[in-house]
């Protein structure tokens, strides 16, 4: 049996209607959700990653089921060679169509190669695809808000003009996290209202809810909401 057929048989065997209904509520608009929990998919992804025919699965885009995309993301995330991982990532990104797959897709090799990752992350934020933009912002948030932070990265995120909901929510998440980690450098973006209204107010809301923001900062942020 070919690997794609094996994977489909496995997926259909694992399908759970209750889990599918729950996931559908979290991922509005996402179709063909079989209902398989993430830990189960990640465990199976390790098996696929060891299969000599895994390339056949990774090249069979687009996939039919949400869980196939999840498996694809988890298999690519296990790739240890940066160049190969990036090649697979670039091929896969245009097919990501939901925030779940986007946000859970996190190749381990990126953490060890942030300097090489950076130009890709910056490029992805310029995409015309919602979840490619979201992924790019997510990489800047994950790897470039600590010792590698530069205000030009915040400039890049602030300059994203795509008004899609999932982009604006990621911009908000980025700036809320940035306020927690780089408050002095990032507060001017809020004071000067450099974000769209939705991202601006959501960033403040998330920051105010964060335990990493002190009470004095929270009180000040509340005064900066756009009505």
N, C-alpha and C. Protein backbone atom coordinates (compact mmCIF):
# COMPACT_ATOMS: atom_id res chain seq x y z
N UNK A 1 0.84 -1.19 0.00
CA UNK A 1 0.00 0.00 0.00
C UNK A 1 0.88 1.26 0.00
N UNK A 2 0.55 2.22 -0.85
CA UNK A 2 1.32 3.44 -0.93
C UNK A 2 1.13 4.27 0.35
N UNK A 3 2.13 5.11 0.64
CA UNK A 3 2.11 5.85 1.90
C UNK A 3 0.87 6.74 2.02
N UNK A 4 0.45 7.38 0.95
CA UNK A 4 -0.73 8.25 1.03
C UNK A 4 -1.99 7.46 1.36
N UNK A 5 -2.07 6.25 0.82
CA UNK A 5 -3.21 5.39 1.12
C UNK A 5 -3.16 4.91 2.58
N UNK A 6 -1.95 4.59 3.04
CA UNK A 6 -1.77 4.17 4.43
C UNK A 6 -2.20 5.27 5.38
N UNK A 7 -1.81 6.48 5.06
CA UNK A 7 -2.14 7.63 5.92
C UNK A 7 -3.64 7.86 5.94
N UNK A 8 -4.28 7.78 4.80
CA UNK A 8 -5.72 8.00 4.76
C UNK A 8 -6.47 6.93 5.55
N UNK A 9 -6.05 5.69 5.42
CA UNK A 9 -6.68 4.61 6.19
C UNK A 9 -6.52 4.87 7.67
N UNK A 10 -5.32 5.26 8.07
CA UNK A 10 -5.06 5.55 9.49
C UNK A 10 -5.93 6.70 9.98
N UNK A 11 -6.01 7.76 9.19
CA UNK A 11 -6.80 8.93 9.57
C UNK A 11 -8.27 8.56 9.78
N UNK A 12 -8.81 7.81 8.85
CA UNK A 12 -10.23 7.45 8.93
C UNK A 12 -10.49 6.53 10.13
N UNK A 13 -9.50 5.72 10.48
CA UNK A 13 -9.65 4.84 11.64
C UNK A 13 -9.64 5.64 12.95
N UNK A 14 -8.91 6.76 12.96
CA UNK A 14 -8.77 7.56 14.18
C UNK A 14 -9.87 8.61 14.33
N UNK A 15 -10.65 8.82 13.29
CA UNK A 15 -11.66 9.89 13.30
C UNK A 15 -12.61 9.77 14.48
N UNK A 16 -12.93 10.92 15.06
CA UNK A 16 -13.82 10.97 16.22
C UNK A 16 -14.79 12.12 16.00
N UNK A 17 -16.06 11.81 15.92
CA UNK A 17 -17.07 12.83 15.60
C UNK A 17 -17.14 13.93 16.66
N UNK A 18 -17.01 13.56 17.93
CA UNK A 18 -17.08 14.57 19.00
C UNK A 18 -15.91 15.54 18.91
N UNK A 19 -14.72 14.99 18.67
CA UNK A 19 -13.54 15.85 18.53
C UNK A 19 -13.68 16.73 17.29
N UNK A 20 -14.22 16.16 16.23
CA UNK A 20 -14.44 16.92 15.00
C UNK A 20 -15.37 18.10 15.24
N UNK A 21 -16.46 17.87 15.96
CA UNK A 21 -17.41 18.93 16.25
C UNK A 21 -16.76 20.03 17.08
N UNK A 22 -15.95 19.62 18.06
CA UNK A 22 -15.26 20.59 18.92
C UNK A 22 -14.28 21.44 18.09
N UNK A 23 -13.48 20.76 17.25
CA UNK A 23 -12.49 21.47 16.44
C UNK A 23 -13.15 22.40 15.42
N UNK A 24 -14.28 21.98 14.89
CA UNK A 24 -14.99 22.81 13.92
C UNK A 24 -15.44 24.13 14.53
N UNK A 25 -15.76 24.09 15.82
CA UNK A 25 -16.14 25.31 16.51
C UNK A 25 -14.97 26.26 16.70
N UNK A 26 -13.78 25.70 16.82
CA UNK A 26 -12.58 26.51 17.01
C UNK A 26 -12.00 27.02 15.69
N UNK A 27 -12.33 26.30 14.60
CA UNK A 27 -11.76 26.61 13.30
C UNK A 27 -12.86 26.87 12.27
N UNK A 28 -13.61 27.93 12.46
CA UNK A 28 -14.72 28.22 11.54
C UNK A 28 -14.25 28.34 10.09
N UNK A 29 -14.99 27.69 9.21
CA UNK A 29 -14.64 27.75 7.79
C UNK A 29 -13.71 26.65 7.34
N UNK A 30 -13.12 25.94 8.28
CA UNK A 30 -12.21 24.85 7.93
C UNK A 30 -13.02 23.59 7.65
N UNK A 31 -12.79 22.98 6.51
CA UNK A 31 -13.58 21.82 6.11
C UNK A 31 -12.83 20.51 6.32
N UNK A 32 -13.57 19.42 6.26
CA UNK A 32 -13.01 18.06 6.32
C UNK A 32 -12.16 17.82 7.56
N UNK A 33 -12.73 18.16 8.71
CA UNK A 33 -12.06 17.89 9.99
C UNK A 33 -12.54 16.53 10.49
N UNK A 34 -11.63 15.59 10.58
CA UNK A 34 -11.99 14.24 11.00
C UNK A 34 -12.13 14.13 12.51
N UNK A 35 -11.36 14.91 13.24
CA UNK A 35 -11.42 14.88 14.69
C UNK A 35 -10.39 13.95 15.31
N UNK A 36 -9.12 14.36 15.23
CA UNK A 36 -8.03 13.58 15.82
C UNK A 36 -7.18 14.54 16.65
N UNK A 37 -6.94 14.18 17.89
CA UNK A 37 -6.24 15.08 18.80
C UNK A 37 -4.77 15.26 18.40
N UNK A 38 -4.26 16.46 18.70
CA UNK A 38 -2.91 16.82 18.30
C UNK A 38 -1.83 15.85 18.78
N UNK A 39 -1.83 15.41 20.05
CA UNK A 39 -0.78 14.47 20.48
C UNK A 39 -0.75 13.18 19.67
N UNK A 40 -1.93 12.72 19.26
CA UNK A 40 -2.01 11.50 18.44
C UNK A 40 -1.40 11.75 17.07
N UNK A 41 -1.69 12.91 16.49
CA UNK A 41 -1.14 13.27 15.18
C UNK A 41 0.38 13.44 15.25
N UNK A 42 0.86 14.07 16.30
CA UNK A 42 2.30 14.28 16.44
C UNK A 42 3.04 12.96 16.59
N UNK A 43 2.45 12.03 17.30
CA UNK A 43 3.07 10.72 17.47
C UNK A 43 3.14 9.99 16.12
N UNK A 44 2.06 10.08 15.34
CA UNK A 44 2.05 9.41 14.04
C UNK A 44 3.00 10.11 13.06
N UNK A 45 3.14 11.42 13.20
CA UNK A 45 4.06 12.18 12.33
C UNK A 45 5.48 11.65 12.47
N UNK A 46 5.86 11.24 13.67
CA UNK A 46 7.20 10.68 13.88
C UNK A 46 7.38 9.39 13.09
N UNK A 47 6.32 8.62 12.98
CA UNK A 47 6.36 7.38 12.19
C UNK A 47 6.51 7.71 10.71
N UNK A 48 5.74 8.69 10.25
CA UNK A 48 5.82 9.09 8.85
C UNK A 48 7.22 9.63 8.52
N UNK A 49 7.78 10.40 9.44
CA UNK A 49 9.09 11.01 9.22
C UNK A 49 10.18 9.96 8.99
N UNK A 50 9.98 8.77 9.52
CA UNK A 50 10.97 7.69 9.37
C UNK A 50 10.70 6.84 8.13
N UNK A 51 9.58 7.09 7.47
CA UNK A 51 9.22 6.30 6.30
C UNK A 51 10.01 6.78 5.09
N UNK A 52 10.71 5.87 4.40
CA UNK A 52 11.51 6.28 3.23
C UNK A 52 10.68 6.90 2.11
N UNK A 53 9.37 6.70 2.14
CA UNK A 53 8.50 7.26 1.10
C UNK A 53 7.79 8.54 1.54
N UNK A 54 8.25 9.14 2.62
CA UNK A 54 7.55 10.31 3.16
C UNK A 54 7.45 11.45 2.15
N UNK A 55 8.44 11.53 1.22
CA UNK A 55 8.41 12.61 0.21
C UNK A 55 7.15 12.53 -0.63
N UNK A 56 6.65 11.33 -0.86
CA UNK A 56 5.42 11.19 -1.65
C UNK A 56 4.25 11.86 -0.95
N UNK A 57 4.20 11.75 0.36
CA UNK A 57 3.15 12.42 1.13
C UNK A 57 3.34 13.93 1.11
N UNK A 58 4.57 14.37 1.32
CA UNK A 58 4.83 15.80 1.41
C UNK A 58 4.63 16.51 0.07
N UNK A 59 4.69 15.75 -1.02
CA UNK A 59 4.51 16.35 -2.34
C UNK A 59 3.06 16.29 -2.82
N UNK A 60 2.21 15.62 -2.06
CA UNK A 60 0.82 15.44 -2.49
C UNK A 60 -0.08 16.56 -2.00
N UNK A 61 0.26 17.77 -2.40
CA UNK A 61 -0.52 18.95 -2.03
C UNK A 61 -1.43 19.35 -3.19
N UNK A 62 -2.64 19.84 -2.91
CA UNK A 62 -3.21 20.06 -1.57
C UNK A 62 -3.76 18.76 -0.96
N UNK A 63 -3.84 18.74 0.35
CA UNK A 63 -4.41 17.60 1.04
C UNK A 63 -5.92 17.75 1.16
N UNK A 64 -6.57 16.65 1.45
CA UNK A 64 -8.03 16.65 1.56
C UNK A 64 -8.50 17.00 2.96
N UNK A 65 -7.86 16.43 3.96
CA UNK A 65 -8.32 16.58 5.34
C UNK A 65 -7.48 17.58 6.13
N UNK A 66 -8.13 18.24 7.07
CA UNK A 66 -7.44 19.14 8.00
C UNK A 66 -6.29 18.40 8.68
N UNK A 67 -6.54 17.18 9.10
CA UNK A 67 -5.51 16.41 9.82
C UNK A 67 -4.33 16.04 8.93
N UNK A 68 -4.54 15.97 7.62
CA UNK A 68 -3.40 15.75 6.72
C UNK A 68 -2.48 16.96 6.74
N UNK A 69 -3.07 18.14 6.76
CA UNK A 69 -2.26 19.35 6.87
C UNK A 69 -1.51 19.39 8.20
N UNK A 70 -2.18 18.95 9.25
CA UNK A 70 -1.53 18.90 10.55
C UNK A 70 -0.34 17.93 10.52
N UNK A 71 -0.56 16.76 9.96
CA UNK A 71 0.52 15.78 9.84
C UNK A 71 1.66 16.34 9.01
N UNK A 72 1.32 16.99 7.91
CA UNK A 72 2.33 17.59 7.04
C UNK A 72 3.19 18.57 7.84
N UNK A 73 2.54 19.45 8.59
CA UNK A 73 3.26 20.43 9.39
C UNK A 73 4.17 19.76 10.41
N UNK A 74 3.67 18.73 11.07
CA UNK A 74 4.44 18.07 12.12
C UNK A 74 5.61 17.27 11.54
N UNK A 75 5.43 16.69 10.35
CA UNK A 75 6.53 15.96 9.70
C UNK A 75 7.63 16.93 9.28
N UNK A 76 7.24 18.03 8.65
CA UNK A 76 8.23 19.03 8.22
C UNK A 76 8.97 19.59 9.44
N UNK A 77 8.26 19.79 10.53
CA UNK A 77 8.86 20.35 11.74
C UNK A 77 9.95 19.45 12.32
N UNK A 78 9.94 18.18 11.94
CA UNK A 78 10.95 17.23 12.43
C UNK A 78 12.21 17.21 11.56
N UNK A 79 12.16 17.88 10.42
CA UNK A 79 13.31 17.89 9.51
C UNK A 79 14.48 18.64 10.15
N UNK A 80 15.64 18.01 10.22
CA UNK A 80 16.79 18.58 10.93
C UNK A 80 17.71 19.41 10.04
N UNK A 81 17.60 19.25 8.74
CA UNK A 81 18.44 20.04 7.83
C UNK A 81 17.72 21.34 7.50
N UNK A 82 18.35 22.47 7.79
CA UNK A 82 17.67 23.76 7.62
C UNK A 82 17.23 24.00 6.18
N UNK A 83 18.12 23.77 5.23
CA UNK A 83 17.78 24.06 3.84
C UNK A 83 16.61 23.21 3.36
N UNK A 84 16.63 21.93 3.69
CA UNK A 84 15.53 21.06 3.30
C UNK A 84 14.24 21.45 4.00
N UNK A 85 14.35 21.78 5.28
CA UNK A 85 13.17 22.20 6.04
C UNK A 85 12.58 23.48 5.44
N UNK A 86 13.42 24.41 5.07
CA UNK A 86 12.93 25.66 4.50
C UNK A 86 12.29 25.42 3.14
N UNK A 87 12.88 24.54 2.36
CA UNK A 87 12.30 24.19 1.06
C UNK A 87 10.88 23.63 1.24
N UNK A 88 10.75 22.73 2.19
CA UNK A 88 9.45 22.12 2.46
C UNK A 88 8.47 23.14 3.04
N UNK A 89 8.96 24.03 3.88
CA UNK A 89 8.12 25.07 4.48
C UNK A 89 7.56 26.00 3.41
N UNK A 90 8.42 26.44 2.52
CA UNK A 90 7.99 27.36 1.47
C UNK A 90 6.95 26.71 0.55
N UNK A 91 7.10 25.42 0.31
CA UNK A 91 6.12 24.72 -0.53
C UNK A 91 4.78 24.55 0.18
N UNK A 92 4.84 24.41 1.50
CA UNK A 92 3.63 24.12 2.27
C UNK A 92 2.83 25.36 2.64
N UNK A 93 3.49 26.46 2.91
CA UNK A 93 2.81 27.66 3.41
C UNK A 93 1.61 28.09 2.58
N UNK A 94 1.65 28.06 1.25
CA UNK A 94 0.49 28.50 0.47
C UNK A 94 -0.76 27.64 0.68
N UNK A 95 -0.58 26.46 1.26
CA UNK A 95 -1.70 25.55 1.44
C UNK A 95 -2.27 25.59 2.86
N UNK A 96 -1.66 26.34 3.75
CA UNK A 96 -2.20 26.48 5.10
C UNK A 96 -3.41 27.41 5.04
N UNK A 97 -4.53 26.93 5.54
CA UNK A 97 -5.78 27.69 5.41
C UNK A 97 -6.51 27.88 6.73
N UNK A 98 -5.79 27.71 7.85
CA UNK A 98 -6.44 27.89 9.15
C UNK A 98 -5.39 28.24 10.20
N UNK A 99 -5.84 28.89 11.27
CA UNK A 99 -4.90 29.36 12.28
C UNK A 99 -4.30 28.20 13.09
N UNK A 100 -5.03 27.09 13.21
CA UNK A 100 -4.52 25.98 14.00
C UNK A 100 -3.25 25.40 13.42
N UNK A 101 -3.29 25.07 12.14
CA UNK A 101 -2.10 24.53 11.47
C UNK A 101 -0.99 25.57 11.45
N UNK A 102 -1.35 26.81 11.16
CA UNK A 102 -0.37 27.90 11.10
C UNK A 102 0.38 28.05 12.42
N UNK A 103 -0.34 28.10 13.51
CA UNK A 103 0.27 28.40 14.80
C UNK A 103 0.99 27.20 15.41
N UNK A 104 0.60 25.98 15.01
CA UNK A 104 1.25 24.79 15.54
C UNK A 104 2.43 24.34 14.69
N UNK A 105 2.63 24.99 13.58
CA UNK A 105 3.73 24.63 12.68
C UNK A 105 5.00 25.35 13.16
N UNK A 106 5.91 24.62 13.77
CA UNK A 106 7.09 25.24 14.36
C UNK A 106 8.31 24.33 14.22
N UNK A 107 9.00 24.37 13.07
CA UNK A 107 10.18 23.55 12.88
C UNK A 107 11.26 23.81 13.93
N UNK A 108 11.73 22.75 14.54
CA UNK A 108 12.73 22.88 15.60
C UNK A 108 14.03 23.46 15.08
N UNK A 109 14.36 23.17 13.83
CA UNK A 109 15.64 23.62 13.28
C UNK A 109 15.70 25.14 13.15
N UNK A 110 14.56 25.82 13.11
CA UNK A 110 14.55 27.27 13.01
C UNK A 110 15.19 27.92 14.22
N UNK A 111 14.96 27.35 15.39
CA UNK A 111 15.49 27.93 16.62
C UNK A 111 17.01 27.98 16.62
N UNK A 112 17.62 27.01 15.96
CA UNK A 112 19.08 26.94 15.93
C UNK A 112 19.68 27.73 14.77
N UNK A 113 18.83 28.28 13.92
CA UNK A 113 19.30 28.99 12.73
C UNK A 113 18.53 30.29 12.53
N UNK A 114 18.40 31.07 13.59
CA UNK A 114 17.57 32.27 13.50
C UNK A 114 18.11 33.30 12.51
N UNK A 115 19.42 33.39 12.37
CA UNK A 115 19.98 34.34 11.42
C UNK A 115 19.59 33.98 9.99
N UNK A 116 19.53 32.72 9.71
CA UNK A 116 19.13 32.27 8.38
C UNK A 116 17.61 32.35 8.21
N UNK A 117 16.89 32.20 9.30
CA UNK A 117 15.44 32.27 9.26
C UNK A 117 14.94 33.69 9.00
N UNK A 118 15.63 34.68 9.56
CA UNK A 118 15.14 36.06 9.55
C UNK A 118 14.70 36.59 8.19
N UNK A 119 15.51 36.48 7.14
CA UNK A 119 15.05 37.04 5.86
C UNK A 119 13.78 36.39 5.34
N UNK A 120 13.59 35.13 5.65
CA UNK A 120 12.35 34.45 5.25
C UNK A 120 11.16 35.00 6.04
N UNK A 121 11.35 35.15 7.34
CA UNK A 121 10.27 35.66 8.18
C UNK A 121 9.83 37.05 7.72
N UNK A 122 10.80 37.89 7.41
CA UNK A 122 10.48 39.24 6.94
C UNK A 122 9.76 39.18 5.60
N UNK A 123 10.20 38.29 4.74
CA UNK A 123 9.57 38.14 3.42
C UNK A 123 8.13 37.66 3.56
N UNK A 124 7.90 36.71 4.45
CA UNK A 124 6.55 36.15 4.61
C UNK A 124 5.54 37.21 5.03
N UNK A 125 5.98 38.20 5.80
CA UNK A 125 5.04 39.24 6.22
C UNK A 125 4.58 40.11 5.05
N UNK A 126 5.29 40.03 3.93
CA UNK A 126 4.92 40.79 2.74
C UNK A 126 4.01 40.01 1.80
N UNK A 127 3.67 38.80 2.18
CA UNK A 127 2.86 37.94 1.32
C UNK A 127 1.45 38.50 1.15
N UNK A 128 0.74 38.00 0.14
CA UNK A 128 -0.67 38.35 -0.02
C UNK A 128 -1.56 37.23 0.52
N UNK A 129 -0.96 36.23 1.15
CA UNK A 129 -1.70 35.11 1.73
C UNK A 129 -1.82 35.29 3.24
N UNK A 130 -3.03 35.21 3.74
CA UNK A 130 -3.32 35.50 5.15
C UNK A 130 -2.44 34.68 6.09
N UNK A 131 -2.38 33.38 5.89
CA UNK A 131 -1.69 32.55 6.87
C UNK A 131 -0.19 32.50 6.66
N UNK A 132 0.28 32.91 5.49
CA UNK A 132 1.72 33.09 5.31
C UNK A 132 2.16 34.33 6.09
N UNK A 133 1.38 35.40 6.01
CA UNK A 133 1.67 36.60 6.79
C UNK A 133 1.66 36.27 8.28
N UNK A 134 0.62 35.59 8.70
CA UNK A 134 0.49 35.23 10.12
C UNK A 134 1.68 34.39 10.58
N UNK A 135 2.11 33.46 9.73
CA UNK A 135 3.26 32.62 10.08
C UNK A 135 4.52 33.46 10.21
N UNK A 136 4.72 34.39 9.28
CA UNK A 136 5.89 35.26 9.34
C UNK A 136 5.93 36.10 10.61
N UNK A 137 4.79 36.70 10.96
CA UNK A 137 4.72 37.47 12.19
C UNK A 137 4.97 36.57 13.39
N UNK A 138 4.43 35.36 13.32
CA UNK A 138 4.63 34.41 14.41
C UNK A 138 6.09 34.06 14.61
N UNK A 139 6.84 33.94 13.53
CA UNK A 139 8.28 33.65 13.64
C UNK A 139 9.02 34.84 14.25
N UNK A 140 8.63 36.05 13.88
CA UNK A 140 9.25 37.25 14.47
C UNK A 140 8.92 37.34 15.96
N UNK A 141 7.74 36.93 16.32
CA UNK A 141 7.34 36.95 17.73
C UNK A 141 8.07 35.87 18.53
N UNK A 142 8.19 34.69 17.94
CA UNK A 142 8.78 33.55 18.65
C UNK A 142 10.28 33.71 18.86
N UNK A 143 10.98 34.20 17.83
CA UNK A 143 12.45 34.16 17.86
C UNK A 143 13.15 35.52 17.92
N UNK A 144 12.39 36.62 17.75
CA UNK A 144 13.06 37.91 17.64
C UNK A 144 12.47 38.97 18.57
N UNK A 145 12.05 38.55 19.75
CA UNK A 145 11.58 39.52 20.75
C UNK A 145 12.42 39.49 22.02
N UNK A 146 13.47 38.71 22.02
CA UNK A 146 14.35 38.65 23.20
C UNK A 146 15.68 39.31 22.86
N UNK A 147 16.77 38.59 22.96
CA UNK A 147 18.08 39.21 22.73
C UNK A 147 18.32 39.60 21.27
N UNK A 148 17.53 39.06 20.36
CA UNK A 148 17.71 39.39 18.95
C UNK A 148 16.74 40.48 18.48
N UNK A 149 16.03 41.09 19.40
CA UNK A 149 15.04 42.10 19.03
C UNK A 149 15.68 43.35 18.44
N UNK A 150 15.05 43.87 17.38
CA UNK A 150 15.40 45.17 16.81
C UNK A 150 14.08 45.86 16.46
N UNK A 151 14.05 47.17 16.62
CA UNK A 151 12.80 47.89 16.35
C UNK A 151 12.37 47.76 14.89
N UNK A 152 13.30 47.48 14.00
CA UNK A 152 12.92 47.33 12.59
C UNK A 152 11.98 46.14 12.40
N UNK A 153 12.04 45.17 13.31
CA UNK A 153 11.11 44.04 13.20
C UNK A 153 9.70 44.48 13.61
N UNK A 154 9.63 45.28 14.65
CA UNK A 154 8.34 45.83 15.06
C UNK A 154 7.80 46.76 13.98
N UNK A 155 8.69 47.51 13.33
CA UNK A 155 8.29 48.36 12.21
C UNK A 155 7.64 47.52 11.12
N UNK A 156 8.24 46.38 10.86
CA UNK A 156 7.76 45.51 9.79
C UNK A 156 6.35 45.01 10.09
N UNK A 157 6.13 44.58 11.33
CA UNK A 157 4.82 44.08 11.72
C UNK A 157 3.79 45.21 11.71
N UNK A 158 4.17 46.36 12.22
CA UNK A 158 3.25 47.50 12.26
C UNK A 158 2.84 47.92 10.85
N UNK A 159 3.72 47.71 9.89
CA UNK A 159 3.47 48.15 8.52
C UNK A 159 2.59 47.19 7.73
N UNK A 160 2.29 46.02 8.30
CA UNK A 160 1.43 45.07 7.60
C UNK A 160 0.03 45.66 7.49
N UNK A 161 -0.47 45.78 6.28
CA UNK A 161 -1.76 46.45 6.06
C UNK A 161 -2.90 45.48 5.77
N UNK A 162 -2.61 44.20 5.66
CA UNK A 162 -3.67 43.23 5.40
C UNK A 162 -4.69 43.29 6.52
N UNK A 163 -5.95 43.51 6.17
CA UNK A 163 -6.99 43.70 7.17
C UNK A 163 -7.77 42.46 7.54
N UNK A 164 -7.28 41.29 7.12
CA UNK A 164 -7.97 40.05 7.47
C UNK A 164 -7.87 39.79 8.98
N UNK A 165 -8.92 39.24 9.53
CA UNK A 165 -9.03 39.02 10.97
C UNK A 165 -7.82 38.28 11.55
N UNK A 166 -7.41 37.19 10.91
CA UNK A 166 -6.34 36.37 11.48
C UNK A 166 -4.97 37.03 11.39
N UNK A 167 -4.84 37.99 10.50
CA UNK A 167 -3.62 38.78 10.46
C UNK A 167 -3.63 39.81 11.58
N UNK A 168 -4.75 40.51 11.72
CA UNK A 168 -4.83 41.54 12.77
C UNK A 168 -4.68 40.94 14.16
N UNK A 169 -5.22 39.74 14.37
CA UNK A 169 -5.09 39.11 15.67
C UNK A 169 -3.64 38.72 15.96
N UNK A 170 -2.90 38.32 14.92
CA UNK A 170 -1.49 37.99 15.12
C UNK A 170 -0.66 39.25 15.36
N UNK A 171 -1.01 40.34 14.68
CA UNK A 171 -0.33 41.61 14.96
C UNK A 171 -0.54 42.00 16.42
N UNK A 172 -1.76 41.83 16.88
CA UNK A 172 -2.07 42.16 18.27
C UNK A 172 -1.28 41.28 19.22
N UNK A 173 -1.22 40.00 18.92
CA UNK A 173 -0.48 39.05 19.76
C UNK A 173 1.00 39.41 19.79
N UNK A 174 1.53 39.78 18.62
CA UNK A 174 2.94 40.19 18.54
C UNK A 174 3.21 41.38 19.45
N UNK A 175 2.38 42.43 19.33
CA UNK A 175 2.66 43.64 20.10
C UNK A 175 2.37 43.47 21.59
N UNK A 176 1.41 42.64 21.93
CA UNK A 176 1.17 42.36 23.35
C UNK A 176 2.38 41.65 23.95
N UNK A 177 2.94 40.69 23.21
CA UNK A 177 4.14 39.99 23.67
C UNK A 177 5.33 40.92 23.69
N UNK A 178 5.42 41.78 22.69
CA UNK A 178 6.51 42.75 22.64
C UNK A 178 6.45 43.72 23.82
N UNK A 179 5.25 44.11 24.20
CA UNK A 179 5.11 44.99 25.37
C UNK A 179 5.60 44.29 26.64
N UNK A 180 5.39 42.98 26.71
CA UNK A 180 5.84 42.23 27.88
C UNK A 180 7.36 42.08 27.90
N UNK A 181 7.96 42.01 26.72
CA UNK A 181 9.39 41.73 26.65
C UNK A 181 10.26 42.95 26.34
N UNK A 182 9.70 43.92 25.62
CA UNK A 182 10.47 45.09 25.19
C UNK A 182 9.62 46.35 25.36
N UNK A 183 9.11 46.54 26.56
CA UNK A 183 8.12 47.58 26.81
C UNK A 183 8.58 48.97 26.36
N UNK A 184 9.73 49.39 26.80
CA UNK A 184 10.19 50.75 26.50
C UNK A 184 10.36 50.99 25.00
N UNK A 185 10.81 49.97 24.30
CA UNK A 185 11.04 50.12 22.86
C UNK A 185 9.73 50.08 22.07
N UNK A 186 8.73 49.40 22.61
CA UNK A 186 7.51 49.15 21.85
C UNK A 186 6.34 50.07 22.22
N UNK A 187 6.33 50.62 23.42
CA UNK A 187 5.21 51.45 23.83
C UNK A 187 4.95 52.62 22.87
N UNK A 188 5.98 53.19 22.21
CA UNK A 188 5.70 54.27 21.26
C UNK A 188 4.78 53.85 20.12
N UNK A 189 4.80 52.60 19.74
CA UNK A 189 3.93 52.14 18.66
C UNK A 189 2.46 52.25 19.07
N UNK A 190 2.22 52.06 20.35
CA UNK A 190 0.86 52.18 20.88
C UNK A 190 0.51 53.65 21.11
N UNK A 191 1.45 54.37 21.69
CA UNK A 191 1.20 55.80 21.96
C UNK A 191 0.95 56.57 20.66
N UNK A 192 1.68 56.23 19.61
CA UNK A 192 1.57 56.94 18.34
C UNK A 192 0.50 56.33 17.42
N UNK A 193 -0.19 55.31 17.94
CA UNK A 193 -1.29 54.66 17.19
C UNK A 193 -0.84 54.24 15.80
N UNK A 194 0.23 53.47 15.77
CA UNK A 194 0.80 53.03 14.50
C UNK A 194 0.16 51.74 13.97
N UNK A 195 -0.74 51.18 14.74
CA UNK A 195 -1.45 49.98 14.29
C UNK A 195 -2.87 50.32 13.87
N UNK A 196 -3.50 49.43 13.11
CA UNK A 196 -4.91 49.61 12.83
C UNK A 196 -5.68 49.51 14.14
N UNK A 197 -6.89 50.05 14.17
CA UNK A 197 -7.68 50.13 15.40
C UNK A 197 -7.90 48.76 16.05
N UNK A 198 -8.24 47.76 15.24
CA UNK A 198 -8.52 46.43 15.79
C UNK A 198 -7.28 45.84 16.44
N UNK A 199 -6.16 45.86 15.74
CA UNK A 199 -4.92 45.31 16.29
C UNK A 199 -4.47 46.10 17.52
N UNK A 200 -4.60 47.41 17.46
CA UNK A 200 -4.21 48.29 18.55
C UNK A 200 -4.97 47.94 19.84
N UNK A 201 -6.28 47.92 19.75
CA UNK A 201 -7.09 47.66 20.95
C UNK A 201 -6.92 46.23 21.45
N UNK A 202 -6.79 45.29 20.52
CA UNK A 202 -6.61 43.90 20.93
C UNK A 202 -5.25 43.70 21.59
N UNK A 203 -4.24 44.37 21.10
CA UNK A 203 -2.90 44.29 21.71
C UNK A 203 -2.96 44.80 23.15
N UNK A 204 -3.66 45.91 23.35
CA UNK A 204 -3.80 46.46 24.71
C UNK A 204 -4.56 45.48 25.59
N UNK A 205 -5.64 44.91 25.07
CA UNK A 205 -6.42 43.95 25.85
C UNK A 205 -5.56 42.76 26.29
N UNK A 206 -4.80 42.20 25.34
CA UNK A 206 -3.95 41.05 25.66
C UNK A 206 -2.86 41.43 26.65
N UNK A 207 -2.30 42.62 26.49
CA UNK A 207 -1.24 43.06 27.39
C UNK A 207 -1.78 43.27 28.80
N UNK A 208 -2.97 43.85 28.90
CA UNK A 208 -3.57 44.10 30.21
C UNK A 208 -3.89 42.77 30.91
N UNK A 209 -4.17 41.74 30.14
CA UNK A 209 -4.47 40.44 30.71
C UNK A 209 -3.22 39.65 31.08
N UNK A 210 -2.06 40.14 30.65
CA UNK A 210 -0.82 39.41 30.87
C UNK A 210 -0.24 39.63 32.27
N UNK A 211 0.25 38.57 32.86
CA UNK A 211 0.90 38.69 34.17
C UNK A 211 2.30 39.28 34.05
N UNK A 212 2.79 39.39 32.81
CA UNK A 212 4.14 39.92 32.59
C UNK A 212 4.17 41.44 32.48
N UNK A 213 3.00 42.05 32.50
CA UNK A 213 2.89 43.52 32.46
C UNK A 213 2.53 43.98 33.86
N UNK A 214 3.28 44.97 34.41
CA UNK A 214 2.98 45.40 35.78
C UNK A 214 1.74 46.29 35.82
N UNK A 215 1.22 46.50 37.00
CA UNK A 215 -0.05 47.22 37.17
C UNK A 215 0.02 48.65 36.67
N UNK A 216 1.14 49.31 36.89
CA UNK A 216 1.29 50.69 36.43
C UNK A 216 1.23 50.76 34.90
N UNK A 217 1.90 49.82 34.25
CA UNK A 217 1.88 49.77 32.79
C UNK A 217 0.47 49.46 32.28
N UNK A 218 -0.24 48.57 32.96
CA UNK A 218 -1.59 48.21 32.56
C UNK A 218 -2.53 49.42 32.64
N UNK A 219 -2.40 50.17 33.72
CA UNK A 219 -3.25 51.35 33.87
C UNK A 219 -3.00 52.35 32.75
N UNK A 220 -1.73 52.53 32.41
CA UNK A 220 -1.39 53.47 31.34
C UNK A 220 -1.92 52.96 29.99
N UNK A 221 -1.75 51.67 29.74
CA UNK A 221 -2.22 51.11 28.47
C UNK A 221 -3.73 51.28 28.30
N UNK A 222 -4.47 51.17 29.39
CA UNK A 222 -5.93 51.34 29.31
C UNK A 222 -6.30 52.73 28.80
N UNK A 223 -5.47 53.71 29.11
CA UNK A 223 -5.77 55.09 28.66
C UNK A 223 -5.49 55.28 27.19
N UNK A 224 -4.82 54.33 26.55
CA UNK A 224 -4.41 54.46 25.15
C UNK A 224 -5.35 53.76 24.18
N UNK A 225 -6.44 53.18 24.70
CA UNK A 225 -7.39 52.52 23.81
C UNK A 225 -7.99 53.53 22.83
N UNK A 226 -8.25 53.06 21.63
CA UNK A 226 -8.89 53.89 20.61
C UNK A 226 -10.40 53.63 20.66
N UNK A 227 -11.17 54.68 20.85
CA UNK A 227 -12.64 54.53 20.95
C UNK A 227 -13.28 54.63 19.58
